[in-house]
């Protein structure tokens, strides 16, 4: 389990640094102690589902952005590309796929 925590913690840190937030600012947003937040980034502590969702919202990323590399399926390439789309673009892609399926049955 610790390896998962380290992987997720590193991803959180990367995204946090990308948007120029400090650990202290993140801890304040999450309403947790800065040292606890630091342990999450180092993989020493796991975070709760509630904190993970809040972290995603603060960083403007999806849970898949943080944990996606841990889940491997044969459809990963397609899922990764779809996850990068906006909600509106996902709807367009879904409509197109349905169109293709209906015309090639």
PDB file of N, CA and C in Angstrom:
ATOM      1  N   UNK A   1       0.826  -1.197   0.000  1.00  0.00           N
ATOM      2  CA  UNK A   1       0.000   0.000   0.000  1.00  0.00           C
ATOM      3  C   UNK A   1       0.868   1.259   0.000  1.00  0.00           C
ATOM      4  N   UNK A   2       2.004   1.193   0.659  1.00  0.00           N
ATOM      5  CA  UNK A   2       2.866   2.372   0.754  1.00  0.00           C
ATOM      6  C   UNK A   2       3.317   2.840  -0.634  1.00  0.00           C
ATOM      7  N   UNK A   3       3.596   1.905  -1.552  1.00  0.00           N
ATOM      8  CA  UNK A   3       4.007   2.303  -2.898  1.00  0.00           C
ATOM      9  C   UNK A   3       2.915   3.110  -3.585  1.00  0.00           C
ATOM     10  N   UNK A   4       1.650   2.747  -3.364  1.00  0.00           N
ATOM     11  CA  UNK A   4       0.542   3.509  -3.929  1.00  0.00           C
ATOM     12  C   UNK A   4       0.529   4.920  -3.366  1.00  0.00           C
ATOM     13  N   UNK A   5       0.730   5.023  -2.071  1.00  0.00           N
ATOM     14  CA  UNK A   5       0.735   6.335  -1.424  1.00  0.00           C
ATOM     15  C   UNK A   5       1.853   7.214  -1.976  1.00  0.00           C
ATOM     16  N   UNK A   6       3.021   6.629  -2.199  1.00  0.00           N
ATOM     17  CA  UNK A   6       4.161   7.380  -2.738  1.00  0.00           C
ATOM     18  C   UNK A   6       3.841   7.859  -4.149  1.00  0.00           C
ATOM     19  N   UNK A   7       3.273   6.987  -4.972  1.00  0.00           N
ATOM     20  CA  UNK A   7       2.922   7.341  -6.345  1.00  0.00           C
ATOM     21  C   UNK A   7       1.934   8.504  -6.363  1.00  0.00           C
ATOM     22  N   UNK A   8       0.856   8.379  -5.594  1.00  0.00           N
ATOM     23  CA  UNK A   8      -0.176   9.419  -5.554  1.00  0.00           C
ATOM     24  C   UNK A   8       0.386  10.703  -4.962  1.00  0.00           C
ATOM     25  N   UNK A   9       1.166  10.590  -3.902  1.00  0.00           N
ATOM     26  CA  UNK A   9       1.766  11.765  -3.279  1.00  0.00           C
ATOM     27  C   UNK A   9       2.642  12.548  -4.239  1.00  0.00           C
ATOM     28  N   UNK A  10       3.422  11.831  -5.050  1.00  0.00           N
ATOM     29  CA  UNK A  10       4.278  12.503  -6.037  1.00  0.00           C
ATOM     30  C   UNK A  10       3.445  13.225  -7.092  1.00  0.00           C
ATOM     31  N   UNK A  11       2.357  12.588  -7.525  1.00  0.00           N
ATOM     32  CA  UNK A  11       1.487  13.222  -8.514  1.00  0.00           C
ATOM     33  C   UNK A  11       0.845  14.485  -7.934  1.00  0.00           C
ATOM     34  N   UNK A  12       0.382  14.393  -6.688  1.00  0.00           N
ATOM     35  CA  UNK A  12      -0.215  15.563  -6.032  1.00  0.00           C
ATOM     36  C   UNK A  12       0.803  16.700  -5.985  1.00  0.00           C
ATOM     37  N   UNK A  13       2.024  16.367  -5.584  1.00  0.00           N
ATOM     38  CA  UNK A  13       3.079  17.378  -5.488  1.00  0.00           C
ATOM     39  C   UNK A  13       3.346  18.027  -6.848  1.00  0.00           C
ATOM     40  N   UNK A  14       3.432  17.208  -7.903  1.00  0.00           N
ATOM     41  CA  UNK A  14       3.685  17.743  -9.248  1.00  0.00           C
ATOM     42  C   UNK A  14       2.610  18.744  -9.655  1.00  0.00           C
ATOM     43  N   UNK A  15       1.347  18.343  -9.474  1.00  0.00           N
ATOM     44  CA  UNK A  15       0.253  19.237  -9.865  1.00  0.00           C
ATOM     45  C   UNK A  15       0.211  20.484  -8.984  1.00  0.00           C
ATOM     46  N   UNK A  16       0.500  20.327  -7.687  1.00  0.00           N
ATOM     47  CA  UNK A  16       0.506  21.483  -6.784  1.00  0.00           C
ATOM     48  C   UNK A  16       1.575  22.476  -7.207  1.00  0.00           C
ATOM     49  N   UNK A  17       2.763  21.959  -7.500  1.00  0.00           N
ATOM     50  CA  UNK A  17       3.854  22.841  -7.914  1.00  0.00           C
ATOM     51  C   UNK A  17       3.550  23.515  -9.252  1.00  0.00           C
ATOM     52  N   UNK A  18       2.849  22.804 -10.138  1.00  0.00           N
ATOM     53  CA  UNK A  18       2.480  23.389 -11.429  1.00  0.00           C
ATOM     54  C   UNK A  18       1.630  24.647 -11.270  1.00  0.00           C
ATOM     55  N   UNK A  19       0.786  24.652 -10.243  1.00  0.00           N
ATOM     56  CA  UNK A  19      -0.077  25.832 -10.055  1.00  0.00           C
ATOM     57  C   UNK A  19       0.460  26.769  -8.969  1.00  0.00           C
ATOM     58  N   UNK A  20       1.697  26.520  -8.572  1.00  0.00           N
ATOM     59  CA  UNK A  20       2.422  27.429  -7.672  1.00  0.00           C
ATOM     60  C   UNK A  20       1.773  27.588  -6.295  1.00  0.00           C
ATOM     61  N   UNK A  21       1.234  26.499  -5.748  1.00  0.00           N
ATOM     62  CA  UNK A  21       0.725  26.530  -4.377  1.00  0.00           C
ATOM     63  C   UNK A  21       1.764  25.919  -3.449  1.00  0.00           C
ATOM     64  N   UNK A  22       1.833  26.420  -2.240  1.00  0.00           N
ATOM     65  CA  UNK A  22       2.731  25.843  -1.237  1.00  0.00           C
ATOM     66  C   UNK A  22       1.995  24.709  -0.507  1.00  0.00           C
ATOM     67  N   UNK A  23       2.767  23.903   0.199  1.00  0.00           N
ATOM     68  CA  UNK A  23       2.156  22.866   1.026  1.00  0.00           C
ATOM     69  C   UNK A  23       1.259  23.495   2.086  1.00  0.00           C
ATOM     70  N   UNK A  24       1.683  24.610   2.626  1.00  0.00           N
ATOM     71  CA  UNK A  24       0.903  25.290   3.657  1.00  0.00           C
ATOM     72  C   UNK A  24      -0.445  25.765   3.112  1.00  0.00           C
ATOM     73  N   UNK A  25      -0.428  26.285   1.887  1.00  0.00           N
ATOM     74  CA  UNK A  25      -1.680  26.732   1.274  1.00  0.00           C
ATOM     75  C   UNK A  25      -2.626  25.546   1.035  1.00  0.00           C
ATOM     76  N   UNK A  26      -2.066  24.437   0.571  1.00  0.00           N
ATOM     77  CA  UNK A  26      -2.890  23.240   0.352  1.00  0.00           C
ATOM     78  C   UNK A  26      -3.473  22.746   1.671  1.00  0.00           C
ATOM     79  N   UNK A  27      -2.645  22.694   2.698  1.00  0.00           N
ATOM     80  CA  UNK A  27      -3.113  22.227   4.008  1.00  0.00           C
ATOM     81  C   UNK A  27      -4.246  23.112   4.514  1.00  0.00           C
ATOM     82  N   UNK A  28      -4.097  24.415   4.338  1.00  0.00           N
ATOM     83  CA  UNK A  28      -5.140  25.342   4.779  1.00  0.00           C
ATOM     84  C   UNK A  28      -6.441  25.093   4.017  1.00  0.00           C
ATOM     85  N   UNK A  29      -6.350  24.909   2.698  1.00  0.00           N
ATOM     86  CA  UNK A  29      -7.532  24.626   1.875  1.00  0.00           C
ATOM     87  C   UNK A  29      -8.215  23.324   2.305  1.00  0.00           C
ATOM     88  N   UNK A  30      -7.404  22.347   2.713  1.00  0.00           N
ATOM     89  CA  UNK A  30      -7.938  21.037   3.124  1.00  0.00           C
ATOM     90  C   UNK A  30      -8.350  21.012   4.591  1.00  0.00           C
ATOM     91  N   UNK A  31      -7.997  22.066   5.313  1.00  0.00           N
ATOM     92  CA  UNK A  31      -8.273  22.153   6.746  1.00  0.00           C
ATOM     93  C   UNK A  31      -7.599  21.015   7.514  1.00  0.00           C
ATOM     94  N   UNK A  32      -6.312  20.799   7.155  1.00  0.00           N
ATOM     95  CA  UNK A  32      -5.495  19.815   7.874  1.00  0.00           C
ATOM     96  C   UNK A  32      -4.168  20.470   8.237  1.00  0.00           C
ATOM     97  N   UNK A  33      -3.448  19.854   9.138  1.00  0.00           N
ATOM     98  CA  UNK A  33      -2.157  20.395   9.565  1.00  0.00           C
ATOM     99  C   UNK A  33      -1.149  20.300   8.416  1.00  0.00           C
ATOM    100  N   UNK A  34      -0.291  21.313   8.278  1.00  0.00           N
ATOM    101  CA  UNK A  34       0.709  21.277   7.213  1.00  0.00           C
ATOM    102  C   UNK A  34       1.610  20.041   7.257  1.00  0.00           C
ATOM    103  N   UNK A  35       1.969  19.602   8.463  1.00  0.00           N
ATOM    104  CA  UNK A  35       2.830  18.419   8.542  1.00  0.00           C
ATOM    105  C   UNK A  35       2.096  17.162   8.069  1.00  0.00           C
ATOM    106  N   UNK A  36       0.789  17.101   8.306  1.00  0.00           N
ATOM    107  CA  UNK A  36      -0.009  15.970   7.811  1.00  0.00           C
ATOM    108  C   UNK A  36      -0.058  15.997   6.282  1.00  0.00           C
ATOM    109  N   UNK A  37      -0.260  17.184   5.725  1.00  0.00           N
ATOM    110  CA  UNK A  37      -0.286  17.296   4.270  1.00  0.00           C
ATOM    111  C   UNK A  37       1.074  16.887   3.680  1.00  0.00           C
ATOM    112  N   UNK A  38       2.151  17.303   4.295  1.00  0.00           N
ATOM    113  CA  UNK A  38       3.491  16.930   3.834  1.00  0.00           C
ATOM    114  C   UNK A  38       3.677  15.422   3.811  1.00  0.00           C
ATOM    115  N   UNK A  39       3.129  14.740   4.827  1.00  0.00           N
ATOM    116  CA  UNK A  39       3.223  13.272   4.877  1.00  0.00           C
ATOM    117  C   UNK A  39       2.421  12.636   3.737  1.00  0.00           C
ATOM    118  N   UNK A  40       1.313  13.262   3.342  1.00  0.00           N
ATOM    119  CA  UNK A  40       0.539  12.747   2.202  1.00  0.00           C
ATOM    120  C   UNK A  40       1.388  12.834   0.933  1.00  0.00           C
ATOM    121  N   UNK A  41       2.024  13.979   0.707  1.00  0.00           N
ATOM    122  CA  UNK A  41       2.854  14.140  -0.492  1.00  0.00           C
ATOM    123  C   UNK A  41       4.048  13.202  -0.498  1.00  0.00           C
ATOM    124  N   UNK A  42       4.589  12.897   0.659  1.00  0.00           N
ATOM    125  CA  UNK A  42       5.737  11.985   0.735  1.00  0.00           C
ATOM    126  C   UNK A  42       5.317  10.518   0.704  1.00  0.00           C
ATOM    127  N   UNK A  43       4.019  10.262   0.759  1.00  0.00           N
ATOM    128  CA  UNK A  43       3.534   8.888   0.731  1.00  0.00           C
ATOM    129  C   UNK A  43       3.589   8.189   2.067  1.00  0.00           C
ATOM    130  N   UNK A  44       3.837   8.948   3.119  1.00  0.00           N
ATOM    131  CA  UNK A  44       3.889   8.368   4.460  1.00  0.00           C
ATOM    132  C   UNK A  44       2.478   8.135   5.009  1.00  0.00           C
ATOM    133  N   UNK A  45       1.529   8.938   4.560  1.00  0.00           N
ATOM    134  CA  UNK A  45       0.116   8.807   4.950  1.00  0.00           C
ATOM    135  C   UNK A  45      -0.719   8.717   3.679  1.00  0.00           C
ATOM    136  N   UNK A  46      -1.794   7.958   3.759  1.00  0.00           N
ATOM    137  CA  UNK A  46      -2.765   8.009   2.665  1.00  0.00           C
ATOM    138  C   UNK A  46      -3.764   9.109   3.021  1.00  0.00           C
ATOM    139  N   UNK A  47      -4.501   9.561   2.025  1.00  0.00           N
ATOM    140  CA  UNK A  47      -5.507  10.576   2.328  1.00  0.00           C
ATOM    141  C   UNK A  47      -6.893   9.944   2.218  1.00  0.00           C
ATOM    142  N   UNK A  48      -7.826  10.549   2.885  1.00  0.00           N
ATOM    143  CA  UNK A  48      -9.195  10.052   2.838  1.00  0.00           C
ATOM    144  C   UNK A  48      -9.779  10.324   1.456  1.00  0.00           C
ATOM    145  N   UNK A  49     -10.852   9.646   1.131  1.00  0.00           N
ATOM    146  CA  UNK A  49     -11.524   9.885  -0.137  1.00  0.00           C
ATOM    147  C   UNK A  49     -11.999  11.332  -0.212  1.00  0.00           C
ATOM    148  N   UNK A  50     -12.504  11.850   0.902  1.00  0.00           N
ATOM    149  CA  UNK A  50     -12.969  13.241   0.932  1.00  0.00           C
ATOM    150  C   UNK A  50     -11.809  14.190   0.622  1.00  0.00           C
ATOM    151  N   UNK A  51     -10.644  13.953   1.218  1.00  0.00           N
ATOM    152  CA  UNK A  51      -9.486  14.809   0.943  1.00  0.00           C
ATOM    153  C   UNK A  51      -9.001  14.642  -0.493  1.00  0.00           C
ATOM    154  N   UNK A  52      -9.042  13.415  -1.011  1.00  0.00           N
ATOM    155  CA  UNK A  52      -8.617  13.190  -2.394  1.00  0.00           C
ATOM    156  C   UNK A  52      -9.497  13.981  -3.359  1.00  0.00           C
ATOM    157  N   UNK A  53     -10.795  13.954  -3.133  1.00  0.00           N
ATOM    158  CA  UNK A  53     -11.717  14.716  -3.988  1.00  0.00           C
ATOM    159  C   UNK A  53     -11.448  16.206  -3.852  1.00  0.00           C
ATOM    160  N   UNK A  54     -11.241  16.657  -2.630  1.00  0.00           N
ATOM    161  CA  UNK A  54     -10.956  18.077  -2.409  1.00  0.00           C
ATOM    162  C   UNK A  54      -9.636  18.483  -3.069  1.00  0.00           C
ATOM    163  N   UNK A  55      -8.633  17.611  -2.988  1.00  0.00           N
ATOM    164  CA  UNK A  55      -7.343  17.876  -3.633  1.00  0.00           C
ATOM    165  C   UNK A  55      -7.541  17.999  -5.141  1.00  0.00           C
ATOM    166  N   UNK A  56      -8.321  17.085  -5.720  1.00  0.00           N
ATOM    167  CA  UNK A  56      -8.601  17.151  -7.160  1.00  0.00           C
ATOM    168  C   UNK A  56      -9.262  18.465  -7.524  1.00  0.00           C
ATOM    169  N   UNK A  57     -10.207  18.903  -6.717  1.00  0.00           N
ATOM    170  CA  UNK A  57     -10.894  20.163  -6.997  1.00  0.00           C
ATOM    171  C   UNK A  57      -9.948  21.357  -6.896  1.00  0.00           C
ATOM    172  N   UNK A  58      -9.097  21.358  -5.899  1.00  0.00           N
ATOM    173  CA  UNK A  58      -8.138  22.454  -5.728  1.00  0.00           C
ATOM    174  C   UNK A  58      -7.158  22.495  -6.907  1.00  0.00           C
ATOM    175  N   UNK A  59      -6.656  21.323  -7.289  1.00  0.00           N
ATOM    176  CA  UNK A  59      -5.657  21.244  -8.349  1.00  0.00           C
ATOM    177  C   UNK A  59      -6.269  21.257  -9.749  1.00  0.00           C
ATOM    178  N   UNK A  60      -7.608  21.146  -9.800  1.00  0.00           N
ATOM    179  CA  UNK A  60      -8.328  21.096 -11.079  1.00  0.00           C
ATOM    180  C   UNK A  60      -7.862  19.916 -11.935  1.00  0.00           C
ATOM    181  N   UNK A  61      -7.814  18.752 -11.292  1.00  0.00           N
ATOM    182  CA  UNK A  61      -7.466  17.500 -11.963  1.00  0.00           C
ATOM    183  C   UNK A  61      -8.533  16.465 -11.627  1.00  0.00           C
ATOM    184  N   UNK A  62      -8.510  15.354 -12.323  1.00  0.00           N
ATOM    185  CA  UNK A  62      -9.426  14.262 -12.028  1.00  0.00           C
ATOM    186  C   UNK A  62      -8.724  13.249 -11.131  1.00  0.00           C
ATOM    187  N   UNK A  63      -9.490  12.425 -10.433  1.00  0.00           N
ATOM    188  CA  UNK A  63      -8.850  11.353  -9.664  1.00  0.00           C
ATOM    189  C   UNK A  63      -7.977  10.474 -10.560  1.00  0.00           C
ATOM    190  N   UNK A  64      -8.404  10.288 -11.801  1.00  0.00           N
ATOM    191  CA  UNK A  64      -7.610   9.488 -12.727  1.00  0.00           C
ATOM    192  C   UNK A  64      -6.237  10.110 -12.979  1.00  0.00           C
ATOM    193  N   UNK A  65      -6.165  11.448 -12.961  1.00  0.00           N
ATOM    194  CA  UNK A  65      -4.867  12.112 -13.120  1.00  0.00           C
ATOM    195  C   UNK A  65      -3.914  11.723 -11.993  1.00  0.00           C
ATOM    196  N   UNK A  66      -4.461  11.472 -10.814  1.00  0.00           N
ATOM    197  CA  UNK A  66      -3.628  11.148  -9.649  1.00  0.00           C
ATOM    198  C   UNK A  66      -3.382   9.661  -9.485  1.00  0.00           C
ATOM    199  N   UNK A  67      -4.363   8.830  -9.789  1.00  0.00           N
ATOM    200  CA  UNK A  67      -4.207   7.386  -9.540  1.00  0.00           C
ATOM    201  C   UNK A  67      -4.255   6.553 -10.810  1.00  0.00           C
ATOM    202  N   UNK A  68      -4.484   7.187 -11.953  1.00  0.00           N
ATOM    203  CA  UNK A  68      -4.651   6.452 -13.202  1.00  0.00           C
ATOM    204  C   UNK A  68      -3.498   5.547 -13.564  1.00  0.00           C
ATOM    205  N   UNK A  69      -2.294   5.931 -13.240  1.00  0.00           N
ATOM    206  CA  UNK A  69      -1.139   5.099 -13.553  1.00  0.00           C
ATOM    207  C   UNK A  69      -1.071   3.824 -12.738  1.00  0.00           C
ATOM    208  N   UNK A  70      -1.897   3.713 -11.724  1.00  0.00           N
ATOM    209  CA  UNK A  70      -1.906   2.515 -10.890  1.00  0.00           C
ATOM    210  C   UNK A  70      -2.869   1.451 -11.405  1.00  0.00           C
ATOM    211  N   UNK A  71      -3.822   1.873 -12.228  1.00  0.00           N
ATOM    212  CA  UNK A  71      -4.846   0.969 -12.727  1.00  0.00           C
ATOM    213  C   UNK A  71      -4.538   0.666 -14.181  1.00  0.00           C
ATOM    214  N   UNK A  72      -4.334  -0.613 -14.475  1.00  0.00           N
ATOM    215  CA  UNK A  72      -3.954  -0.986 -15.828  1.00  0.00           C
ATOM    216  C   UNK A  72      -5.037  -1.882 -16.432  1.00  0.00           C
ATOM    217  N   UNK A  73      -5.547  -1.463 -17.566  1.00  0.00           N
ATOM    218  CA  UNK A  73      -6.497  -2.270 -18.319  1.00  0.00           C
ATOM    219  C   UNK A  73      -6.077  -2.242 -19.774  1.00  0.00           C
ATOM    220  N   UNK A  74      -6.642  -3.122 -20.569  1.00  0.00           N
ATOM    221  CA  UNK A  74      -6.284  -3.144 -21.986  1.00  0.00           C
ATOM    222  C   UNK A  74      -6.813  -1.927 -22.728  1.00  0.00           C
ATOM    223  N   UNK A  75      -7.764  -1.210 -22.129  1.00  0.00           N
ATOM    224  CA  UNK A  75      -8.336  -0.029 -22.761  1.00  0.00           C
ATOM    225  C   UNK A  75      -7.711   1.269 -22.274  1.00  0.00           C
ATOM    226  N   UNK A  76      -6.588   1.191 -21.591  1.00  0.00           N
ATOM    227  CA  UNK A  76      -5.987   2.380 -20.984  1.00  0.00           C
ATOM    228  C   UNK A  76      -5.705   3.497 -21.972  1.00  0.00           C
ATOM    229  N   UNK A  77      -5.200   3.181 -23.148  1.00  0.00           N
ATOM    230  CA  UNK A  77      -4.859   4.242 -24.101  1.00  0.00           C
ATOM    231  C   UNK A  77      -6.087   5.056 -24.464  1.00  0.00           C
ATOM    232  N   UNK A  78      -7.173   4.379 -24.769  1.00  0.00           N
ATOM    233  CA  UNK A  78      -8.398   5.083 -25.119  1.00  0.00           C
ATOM    234  C   UNK A  78      -8.929   5.875 -23.928  1.00  0.00           C
ATOM    235  N   UNK A  79      -8.917   5.274 -22.758  1.00  0.00           N
ATOM    236  CA  UNK A  79      -9.412   5.955 -21.562  1.00  0.00           C
ATOM    237  C   UNK A  79      -8.590   7.212 -21.266  1.00  0.00           C
ATOM    238  N   UNK A  80      -7.287   7.107 -21.404  1.00  0.00           N
ATOM    239  CA  UNK A  80      -6.434   8.269 -21.130  1.00  0.00           C
ATOM    240  C   UNK A  80      -6.764   9.425 -22.068  1.00  0.00           C
ATOM    241  N   UNK A  81      -6.974   9.119 -23.330  1.00  0.00           N
ATOM    242  CA  UNK A  81      -7.297  10.170 -24.287  1.00  0.00           C
ATOM    243  C   UNK A  81      -8.669  10.773 -23.999  1.00  0.00           C
ATOM    244  N   UNK A  82      -9.635   9.927 -23.682  1.00  0.00           N
ATOM    245  CA  UNK A  82     -10.978  10.415 -23.383  1.00  0.00           C
ATOM    246  C   UNK A  82     -10.976  11.262 -22.120  1.00  0.00           C
ATOM    247  N   UNK A  83     -10.213  10.863 -21.111  1.00  0.00           N
ATOM    248  CA  UNK A  83     -10.151  11.613 -19.859  1.00  0.00           C
ATOM    249  C   UNK A  83      -9.624  13.032 -20.044  1.00  0.00           C
ATOM    250  N   UNK A  84      -8.885  13.254 -21.101  1.00  0.00           N
ATOM    251  CA  UNK A  84      -8.326  14.584 -21.349  1.00  0.00           C
ATOM    252  C   UNK A  84      -9.336  15.539 -21.980  1.00  0.00           C
ATOM    253  N   UNK A  85     -10.451  14.990 -22.446  1.00  0.00           N
ATOM    254  CA  UNK A  85     -11.458  15.810 -23.120  1.00  0.00           C
ATOM    255  C   UNK A  85     -12.329  16.561 -22.130  1.00  0.00           C
ATOM    256  N   UNK A  86     -12.910  17.649 -22.596  1.00  0.00           N
ATOM    257  CA  UNK A  86     -13.906  18.351 -21.799  1.00  0.00           C
ATOM    258  C   UNK A  86     -15.192  17.525 -21.796  1.00  0.00           C
ATOM    259  N   UNK A  87     -16.090  17.824 -20.885  1.00  0.00           N
ATOM    260  CA  UNK A  87     -17.352  17.102 -20.816  1.00  0.00           C
ATOM    261  C   UNK A  87     -18.115  17.228 -22.136  1.00  0.00           C
ATOM    262  N   UNK A  88     -18.131  18.409 -22.706  1.00  0.00           N
ATOM    263  CA  UNK A  88     -18.828  18.621 -23.979  1.00  0.00           C
ATOM    264  C   UNK A  88     -18.213  17.783 -25.095  1.00  0.00           C
ATOM    265  N   UNK A  89     -16.883  17.733 -25.150  1.00  0.00           N
ATOM    266  CA  UNK A  89     -16.208  16.925 -26.171  1.00  0.00           C
ATOM    267  C   UNK A  89     -16.469  15.435 -25.954  1.00  0.00           C
ATOM    268  N   UNK A  90     -16.547  15.012 -24.692  1.00  0.00           N
ATOM    269  CA  UNK A  90     -16.863  13.606 -24.404  1.00  0.00           C
ATOM    270  C   UNK A  90     -18.239  13.249 -24.941  1.00  0.00           C
ATOM    271  N   UNK A  91     -19.194  14.156 -24.801  1.00  0.00           N
ATOM    272  CA  UNK A  91     -20.541  13.920 -25.326  1.00  0.00           C
ATOM    273  C   UNK A  91     -20.496  13.783 -26.845  1.00  0.00           C
ATOM    274  N   UNK A  92     -19.700  14.615 -27.497  1.00  0.00           N
ATOM    275  CA  UNK A  92     -19.573  14.553 -28.957  1.00  0.00           C
ATOM    276  C   UNK A  92     -18.959  13.232 -29.385  1.00  0.00           C
ATOM    277  N   UNK A  93     -17.921  12.802 -28.703  1.00  0.00           N
ATOM    278  CA  UNK A  93     -17.270  11.529 -29.023  1.00  0.00           C
ATOM    279  C   UNK A  93     -18.245  10.376 -28.819  1.00  0.00           C
ATOM    280  N   UNK A  94     -18.993  10.409 -27.731  1.00  0.00           N
ATOM    281  CA  UNK A  94     -19.975   9.355 -27.468  1.00  0.00           C
ATOM    282  C   UNK A  94     -21.021   9.302 -28.576  1.00  0.00           C
ATOM    283  N   UNK A  95     -21.518  10.443 -29.008  1.00  0.00           N
ATOM    284  CA  UNK A  95     -22.493  10.485 -30.106  1.00  0.00           C
ATOM    285  C   UNK A  95     -21.902   9.891 -31.377  1.00  0.00           C
ATOM    286  N   UNK A  96     -20.650  10.222 -31.645  1.00  0.00           N
ATOM    287  CA  UNK A  96     -19.984   9.702 -32.838  1.00  0.00           C
ATOM    288  C   UNK A  96     -19.813   8.194 -32.759  1.00  0.00           C
ATOM    289  N   UNK A  97     -19.425   7.689 -31.614  1.00  0.00           N
ATOM    290  CA  UNK A  97     -19.263   6.244 -31.433  1.00  0.00           C
ATOM    291  C   UNK A  97     -20.607   5.537 -31.632  1.00  0.00           C
ATOM    292  N   UNK A  98     -21.658   6.085 -31.060  1.00  0.00           N
ATOM    293  CA  UNK A  98     -22.993   5.497 -31.238  1.00  0.00           C
ATOM    294  C   UNK A  98     -23.386   5.504 -32.715  1.00  0.00           C
ATOM    295  N   UNK A  99     -23.081   6.579 -33.415  1.00  0.00           N
ATOM    296  CA  UNK A  99     -23.356   6.673 -34.847  1.00  0.00           C
ATOM    297  C   UNK A  99     -22.609   5.575 -35.606  1.00  0.00           C
ATOM    298  N   UNK A 100     -21.322   5.420 -35.310  1.00  0.00           N
ATOM    299  CA  UNK A 100     -20.520   4.395 -35.985  1.00  0.00           C
ATOM    300  C   UNK A 100     -21.074   2.997 -35.715  1.00  0.00           C
ATOM    301  N   UNK A 101     -21.396   2.722 -34.482  1.00  0.00           N
ATOM    302  CA  UNK A 101     -21.914   1.405 -34.124  1.00  0.00           C
ATOM    303  C   UNK A 101     -23.236   1.120 -34.847  1.00  0.00           C
ATOM    304  N   UNK A 102     -24.106   2.100 -34.886  1.00  0.00           N
ATOM    305  CA  UNK A 102     -25.402   1.890 -35.535  1.00  0.00           C
ATOM    306  C   UNK A 102     -25.272   1.689 -37.037  1.00  0.00           C
ATOM    307  N   UNK A 103     -24.247   2.250 -37.655  1.00  0.00           N
ATOM    308  CA  UNK A 103     -24.069   2.121 -39.098  1.00  0.00           C
ATOM    309  C   UNK A 103     -23.230   0.915 -39.520  1.00  0.00           C
ATOM    310  N   UNK A 104     -22.579   0.278 -38.588  1.00  0.00           N
ATOM    311  CA  UNK A 104     -21.696  -0.833 -38.935  1.00  0.00           C
ATOM    312  C   UNK A 104     -22.101  -2.141 -38.280  1.00  0.00           C
ATOM    313  N   UNK A 105     -23.372  -2.264 -37.929  1.00  0.00           N
ATOM    314  CA  UNK A 105     -23.861  -3.527 -37.336  1.00  0.00           C
ATOM    315  C   UNK A 105     -24.154  -4.525 -38.409  1.00  0.00           C
TER     316      UNK A 105
END
